[in-house]
Amino acid sequence: MFWGVKMNPRIKSVALDFIFGGSIVAGALLIASFLGPIYGGIIAGAPLRAGSVIFLEYLHNGIDSATRLTRGVLLAMIANVGFSIALYLCMPRLGLYKSFLVAGAVFVLILAPLMKLNL
């Protein structure tokens, strides 16, 4: 029973993962409101977020799956550097929406060749 409703164990697991992940995002925003956006950004980009996803993957599917997920996190983190730089440079000039489009394209352009490497 989850809040009085009988749920499929997988749905219950995903719901709990969603609450856990959401609390990390909310925590980063709360820190940003108290200490400033740079500190909130540090929390948002910290290994805490990726580490918690890897930990939850381990709990659900074991060490091999968590190890493969970690490879994906590593590749995404490399591409995230390009995304963040592009967003930082473009936002003052292009505004939020266009900057996210440019930064998303940069992310894909960096990630695509990395996916072909056998890291």
Protein backbone atom coordinates (compact mmCIF):
# COMPACT_ATOMS: atom_id res chain seq x y z
CA MET A 1 0.00 0.00 0.00
CA PHE A 2 1.26 3.44 -0.96
CA TRP A 3 -0.93 6.20 0.46
CA GLY A 4 -3.73 3.69 0.78
CA VAL A 5 -3.46 2.53 -2.84
CA LYS A 6 -2.14 -0.88 -3.83
CA MET A 7 0.54 -0.27 -6.45
CA ASN A 8 2.69 -2.31 -8.78
CA PRO A 9 6.10 -2.59 -7.05
CA ARG A 10 7.85 -1.01 -10.05
CA ILE A 11 5.49 2.00 -10.03
CA LYS A 12 6.00 2.39 -6.29
CA SER A 13 9.74 2.29 -6.81
CA VAL A 14 9.63 4.93 -9.56
CA ALA A 15 7.39 7.13 -7.40
CA LEU A 16 9.86 6.97 -4.53
CA ASP A 17 12.75 7.67 -6.92
CA PHE A 18 10.84 10.68 -8.24
CA ILE A 19 10.34 12.04 -4.72
CA PHE A 20 14.02 11.45 -3.90
CA GLY A 21 15.23 13.16 -7.09
CA GLY A 22 12.77 16.01 -6.69
CA SER A 23 14.03 16.67 -3.19
CA ILE A 24 17.58 17.11 -4.58
CA VAL A 25 16.33 19.68 -7.11
CA ALA A 26 14.26 21.44 -4.45
CA GLY A 27 17.28 21.46 -2.14
CA ALA A 28 19.43 23.11 -4.82
CA LEU A 29 16.79 25.78 -5.37
CA LEU A 30 16.44 26.32 -1.62
CA ILE A 31 20.20 26.77 -1.26
CA ALA A 32 20.11 29.21 -4.20
CA SER A 33 17.44 31.27 -2.45
CA PHE A 34 19.49 31.47 0.76
CA LEU A 35 23.08 31.62 -0.47
CA GLY A 36 22.69 32.78 -4.06
CA PRO A 37 22.34 31.17 -7.47
CA ILE A 38 26.01 30.22 -7.82
CA TYR A 39 25.78 27.98 -4.74
CA GLY A 40 22.50 26.50 -5.98
CA GLY A 41 24.21 25.77 -9.29
CA ILE A 42 27.08 24.06 -7.51
CA ILE A 43 24.61 21.78 -5.74
CA ALA A 44 22.70 21.16 -8.98
CA GLY A 45 25.91 20.18 -10.76
CA ALA A 46 27.45 18.29 -7.86
CA PRO A 47 27.97 14.53 -7.87
CA LEU A 48 25.13 14.26 -5.37
CA ARG A 49 22.55 14.25 -8.15
CA ALA A 50 24.33 11.77 -10.43
CA GLY A 51 25.49 9.73 -7.47
CA SER A 52 21.96 9.32 -6.19
CA VAL A 53 20.77 8.11 -9.61
CA ILE A 54 23.64 5.60 -9.76
CA PHE A 55 22.84 4.46 -6.22
CA LEU A 56 19.16 3.96 -7.03
CA GLU A 57 20.07 2.06 -10.22
CA TYR A 58 22.27 -0.21 -8.12
CA LEU A 59 19.41 -0.87 -5.70
CA HIS A 60 17.02 -1.70 -8.54
CA ASN A 61 19.24 -3.58 -11.00
CA GLY A 62 22.60 -4.40 -9.41
CA ILE A 63 26.22 -3.44 -9.83
CA ASP A 64 26.60 -4.19 -13.56
CA SER A 65 23.70 -1.94 -14.50
CA ALA A 66 24.92 0.80 -12.14
CA THR A 67 28.39 0.58 -13.71
CA ARG A 68 26.96 0.98 -17.23
CA LEU A 69 24.81 3.88 -16.03
CA THR A 70 27.95 5.50 -14.59
CA ARG A 71 29.51 5.40 -18.07
CA GLY A 72 26.51 7.31 -19.40
CA VAL A 73 26.81 9.83 -16.58
CA LEU A 74 30.49 10.35 -17.40
CA LEU A 75 29.74 10.98 -21.08
CA ALA A 76 26.89 13.34 -20.20
CA MET A 77 29.08 15.27 -17.75
CA ILE A 78 31.64 15.92 -20.47
CA ALA A 79 28.87 17.20 -22.77
CA ASN A 80 27.34 19.18 -19.87
CA VAL A 81 30.46 21.33 -19.72
CA GLY A 82 29.83 22.45 -23.30
CA PHE A 83 26.12 22.88 -22.58
CA SER A 84 26.82 25.05 -19.55
CA ILE A 85 29.42 27.20 -21.31
CA ALA A 86 27.11 27.75 -24.30
CA LEU A 87 24.19 28.62 -22.02
CA TYR A 88 26.31 31.00 -19.95
CA LEU A 89 27.63 32.80 -23.03
CA CYS A 90 24.35 32.90 -24.97
CA MET A 91 21.78 33.90 -22.33
CA PRO A 92 22.72 37.59 -22.13
CA ARG A 93 22.68 37.87 -25.92
CA LEU A 94 19.89 35.51 -27.04
CA GLY A 95 17.57 35.21 -24.05
CA LEU A 96 16.54 32.05 -22.26
CA TYR A 97 14.71 30.03 -24.93
CA LYS A 98 17.13 30.48 -27.82
CA SER A 99 20.06 29.92 -25.46
CA PHE A 100 18.63 26.57 -24.38
CA LEU A 101 18.27 25.58 -28.04
CA VAL A 102 21.88 26.51 -28.78
CA ALA A 103 23.17 24.84 -25.62
CA GLY A 104 21.14 21.71 -26.36
CA ALA A 105 22.66 21.55 -29.83
CA VAL A 106 26.14 21.94 -28.33
CA PHE A 107 25.38 19.11 -25.89
CA VAL A 108 24.35 16.79 -28.75
CA LEU A 109 27.34 17.79 -30.90
CA ILE A 110 29.73 16.94 -28.07
CA LEU A 111 27.91 13.79 -26.94
CA ALA A 112 27.44 12.19 -30.38
CA PRO A 113 31.13 11.49 -31.07
CA LEU A 114 31.70 10.46 -27.43
CA MET A 115 29.01 7.79 -27.77
CA LYS A 116 31.04 6.18 -30.58
CA LEU A 117 34.12 5.89 -28.36
CA ASN A 118 34.43 2.72 -26.34
CA LEU A 119 35.10 4.34 -22.97
